Amino acid sequence: MLDIGWNDDQYLHTTPIHVDLIDNKIWIQYDDTEEGIANDFIAAGVPTQDIVLGFRHPKIRQYTNFAVS
């Protein structure tokens, strides 16, 4: 997802959310939203074991309620 446009005289080109599909899992690589895109996926019925928090260090992922990889 891209946020593109103008804010007064400044051009914006940012990536508030970066999600990849890798090996049949949803990898959240970056999430700059308030609520967290993972919550939206869960609300849509995606099991937590199919969501990887890619922005978390691999050693930390085992302590989340999401997939390790």
N, C-alpha and C. Protein backbone atom coordinates (compact mmCIF):
# COMPACT_ATOMS: atom_id res chain seq x y z
N MET A 1 0.84 -1.16 0.00
CA MET A 1 0.00 0.00 0.00
C MET A 1 0.89 1.23 0.00
N LEU A 2 0.55 2.18 -0.82
CA LEU A 2 1.30 3.43 -0.90
C LEU A 2 0.43 4.60 -0.51
N ASP A 3 1.03 5.57 0.12
CA ASP A 3 0.38 6.84 0.41
C ASP A 3 1.08 7.88 -0.47
N ILE A 4 0.38 8.32 -1.51
CA ILE A 4 0.98 9.21 -2.49
C ILE A 4 0.11 10.46 -2.60
N GLY A 5 0.75 11.61 -2.67
CA GLY A 5 0.00 12.84 -2.85
C GLY A 5 0.76 14.04 -2.32
N TRP A 6 0.04 15.10 -2.13
CA TRP A 6 0.65 16.36 -1.69
C TRP A 6 0.13 16.75 -0.32
N ASN A 7 1.03 17.24 0.51
CA ASN A 7 0.70 17.84 1.79
C ASN A 7 1.26 19.25 1.75
N ASP A 8 0.39 20.20 1.44
CA ASP A 8 0.81 21.57 1.16
C ASP A 8 1.79 21.55 -0.01
N ASP A 9 3.03 21.97 0.20
CA ASP A 9 4.02 21.99 -0.87
C ASP A 9 4.95 20.78 -0.86
N GLN A 10 4.67 19.82 -0.01
CA GLN A 10 5.56 18.65 0.10
C GLN A 10 4.90 17.43 -0.53
N TYR A 11 5.64 16.77 -1.41
CA TYR A 11 5.15 15.56 -2.06
C TYR A 11 5.36 14.36 -1.14
N LEU A 12 4.31 13.55 -0.97
CA LEU A 12 4.38 12.37 -0.11
C LEU A 12 4.47 11.11 -0.95
N HIS A 13 5.34 10.24 -0.56
CA HIS A 13 5.44 8.91 -1.17
C HIS A 13 5.93 7.97 -0.08
N THR A 14 4.98 7.40 0.67
CA THR A 14 5.33 6.56 1.80
C THR A 14 4.64 5.21 1.70
N THR A 15 5.12 4.28 2.47
CA THR A 15 4.56 2.94 2.52
C THR A 15 4.10 2.66 3.95
N PRO A 16 2.83 2.92 4.26
CA PRO A 16 2.37 2.67 5.63
C PRO A 16 2.19 1.19 5.95
N ILE A 17 1.98 0.36 4.91
CA ILE A 17 1.79 -1.08 5.11
C ILE A 17 2.54 -1.82 4.01
N HIS A 18 3.32 -2.83 4.41
CA HIS A 18 4.00 -3.70 3.45
C HIS A 18 3.67 -5.13 3.84
N VAL A 19 2.96 -5.84 2.96
CA VAL A 19 2.54 -7.22 3.20
C VAL A 19 2.98 -8.06 2.01
N ASP A 20 3.59 -9.21 2.31
CA ASP A 20 3.98 -10.18 1.27
C ASP A 20 3.24 -11.49 1.50
N LEU A 21 3.01 -12.24 0.43
CA LEU A 21 2.52 -13.60 0.52
C LEU A 21 3.69 -14.52 0.23
N ILE A 22 4.12 -15.27 1.23
CA ILE A 22 5.29 -16.16 1.10
C ILE A 22 4.90 -17.52 1.65
N ASP A 23 5.05 -18.55 0.83
CA ASP A 23 4.75 -19.93 1.24
C ASP A 23 3.39 -20.06 1.91
N ASN A 24 2.37 -19.48 1.29
CA ASN A 24 0.98 -19.56 1.76
C ASN A 24 0.77 -18.91 3.12
N LYS A 25 1.64 -18.00 3.50
CA LYS A 25 1.47 -17.24 4.74
C LYS A 25 1.50 -15.75 4.42
N ILE A 26 0.82 -14.99 5.25
CA ILE A 26 0.82 -13.54 5.13
C ILE A 26 1.95 -13.01 5.99
N TRP A 27 2.93 -12.39 5.35
CA TRP A 27 4.07 -11.80 6.06
C TRP A 27 3.85 -10.30 6.15
N ILE A 28 3.68 -9.80 7.36
CA ILE A 28 3.56 -8.36 7.57
C ILE A 28 4.98 -7.83 7.78
N GLN A 29 5.49 -7.16 6.76
CA GLN A 29 6.86 -6.67 6.80
C GLN A 29 6.97 -5.31 7.48
N TYR A 30 5.91 -4.50 7.36
CA TYR A 30 5.90 -3.17 7.97
C TYR A 30 4.45 -2.77 8.18
N ASP A 31 4.17 -2.18 9.33
CA ASP A 31 2.80 -1.77 9.64
C ASP A 31 2.85 -0.49 10.46
N ASP A 32 2.46 0.61 9.84
CA ASP A 32 2.46 1.91 10.50
C ASP A 32 1.03 2.38 10.76
N THR A 33 0.10 1.43 10.96
CA THR A 33 -1.27 1.78 11.25
C THR A 33 -1.50 1.77 12.76
N GLU A 34 -2.53 2.46 13.21
CA GLU A 34 -2.82 2.53 14.64
C GLU A 34 -3.28 1.20 15.20
N GLU A 35 -4.20 0.55 14.53
CA GLU A 35 -4.79 -0.69 15.04
C GLU A 35 -3.98 -1.94 14.72
N GLY A 36 -3.19 -1.89 13.67
CA GLY A 36 -2.43 -3.06 13.26
C GLY A 36 -3.19 -3.87 12.23
N ILE A 37 -2.57 -4.08 11.08
CA ILE A 37 -3.22 -4.80 9.99
C ILE A 37 -3.48 -6.27 10.36
N ALA A 38 -2.67 -6.81 11.27
CA ALA A 38 -2.89 -8.20 11.71
C ALA A 38 -4.28 -8.37 12.31
N ASN A 39 -4.74 -7.38 13.05
CA ASN A 39 -6.09 -7.44 13.63
C ASN A 39 -7.16 -7.50 12.56
N ASP A 40 -6.95 -6.80 11.46
CA ASP A 40 -7.90 -6.84 10.34
C ASP A 40 -7.92 -8.21 9.69
N PHE A 41 -6.74 -8.82 9.53
CA PHE A 41 -6.68 -10.17 8.96
C PHE A 41 -7.39 -11.18 9.87
N ILE A 42 -7.17 -11.07 11.17
CA ILE A 42 -7.82 -11.97 12.13
C ILE A 42 -9.33 -11.78 12.08
N ALA A 43 -9.79 -10.53 12.06
CA ALA A 43 -11.23 -10.25 11.98
C ALA A 43 -11.84 -10.80 10.70
N ALA A 44 -11.04 -10.89 9.64
CA ALA A 44 -11.52 -11.44 8.36
C ALA A 44 -11.47 -12.96 8.33
N GLY A 45 -10.98 -13.57 9.43
CA GLY A 45 -10.99 -15.03 9.52
C GLY A 45 -9.67 -15.71 9.22
N VAL A 46 -8.59 -14.95 9.06
CA VAL A 46 -7.29 -15.55 8.80
C VAL A 46 -6.74 -16.09 10.13
N PRO A 47 -6.38 -17.37 10.20
CA PRO A 47 -5.81 -17.92 11.44
C PRO A 47 -4.46 -17.29 11.76
N THR A 48 -4.18 -17.11 13.04
CA THR A 48 -2.91 -16.49 13.44
C THR A 48 -1.71 -17.30 12.99
N GLN A 49 -1.86 -18.61 12.83
CA GLN A 49 -0.74 -19.44 12.38
C GLN A 49 -0.41 -19.21 10.90
N ASP A 50 -1.24 -18.42 10.21
CA ASP A 50 -0.98 -18.07 8.81
C ASP A 50 -0.46 -16.64 8.65
N ILE A 51 -0.19 -15.98 9.78
CA ILE A 51 0.31 -14.60 9.76
C ILE A 51 1.68 -14.57 10.43
N VAL A 52 2.66 -14.04 9.72
CA VAL A 52 4.02 -13.89 10.25
C VAL A 52 4.30 -12.40 10.43
N LEU A 53 4.76 -12.03 11.61
CA LEU A 53 5.16 -10.65 11.87
C LEU A 53 6.61 -10.51 11.44
N GLY A 54 6.80 -10.26 10.15
CA GLY A 54 8.14 -10.20 9.57
C GLY A 54 8.98 -9.08 10.13
N PHE A 55 8.34 -8.05 10.68
CA PHE A 55 9.08 -6.92 11.25
C PHE A 55 9.64 -7.25 12.64
N ARG A 56 9.25 -8.39 13.20
CA ARG A 56 9.81 -8.85 14.48
C ARG A 56 11.02 -9.74 14.21
N HIS A 57 12.03 -9.62 15.01
CA HIS A 57 13.23 -10.45 14.87
C HIS A 57 12.83 -11.93 14.98
N PRO A 58 13.45 -12.80 14.17
CA PRO A 58 13.10 -14.22 14.22
C PRO A 58 13.18 -14.83 15.62
N LYS A 59 14.07 -14.37 16.46
CA LYS A 59 14.17 -14.91 17.82
C LYS A 59 12.99 -14.49 18.70
N ILE A 60 12.32 -13.41 18.34
CA ILE A 60 11.19 -12.89 19.12
C ILE A 60 9.87 -13.52 18.67
N ARG A 61 9.78 -13.92 17.43
CA ARG A 61 8.50 -14.40 16.86
C ARG A 61 7.90 -15.55 17.64
N GLN A 62 8.72 -16.40 18.23
CA GLN A 62 8.19 -17.54 18.96
C GLN A 62 7.37 -17.13 20.18
N TYR A 63 7.55 -15.91 20.64
CA TYR A 63 6.84 -15.42 21.81
C TYR A 63 5.57 -14.65 21.46
N THR A 64 5.28 -14.51 20.17
CA THR A 64 4.04 -13.87 19.75
C THR A 64 2.98 -14.94 19.56
N ASN A 65 1.77 -14.53 19.34
CA ASN A 65 0.68 -15.48 19.07
C ASN A 65 0.53 -15.76 17.59
N PHE A 66 1.58 -15.44 16.82
CA PHE A 66 1.53 -15.60 15.38
C PHE A 66 2.54 -16.64 14.92
N ALA A 67 2.54 -16.92 13.61
CA ALA A 67 3.44 -17.92 13.05
C ALA A 67 4.89 -17.47 13.19
N VAL A 68 5.78 -18.45 13.33
CA VAL A 68 7.21 -18.17 13.44
C VAL A 68 7.77 -17.87 12.05
N SER A 69 7.39 -18.66 11.07
CA SER A 69 7.75 -18.42 9.66
C SER A 69 7.00 -19.38 8.77
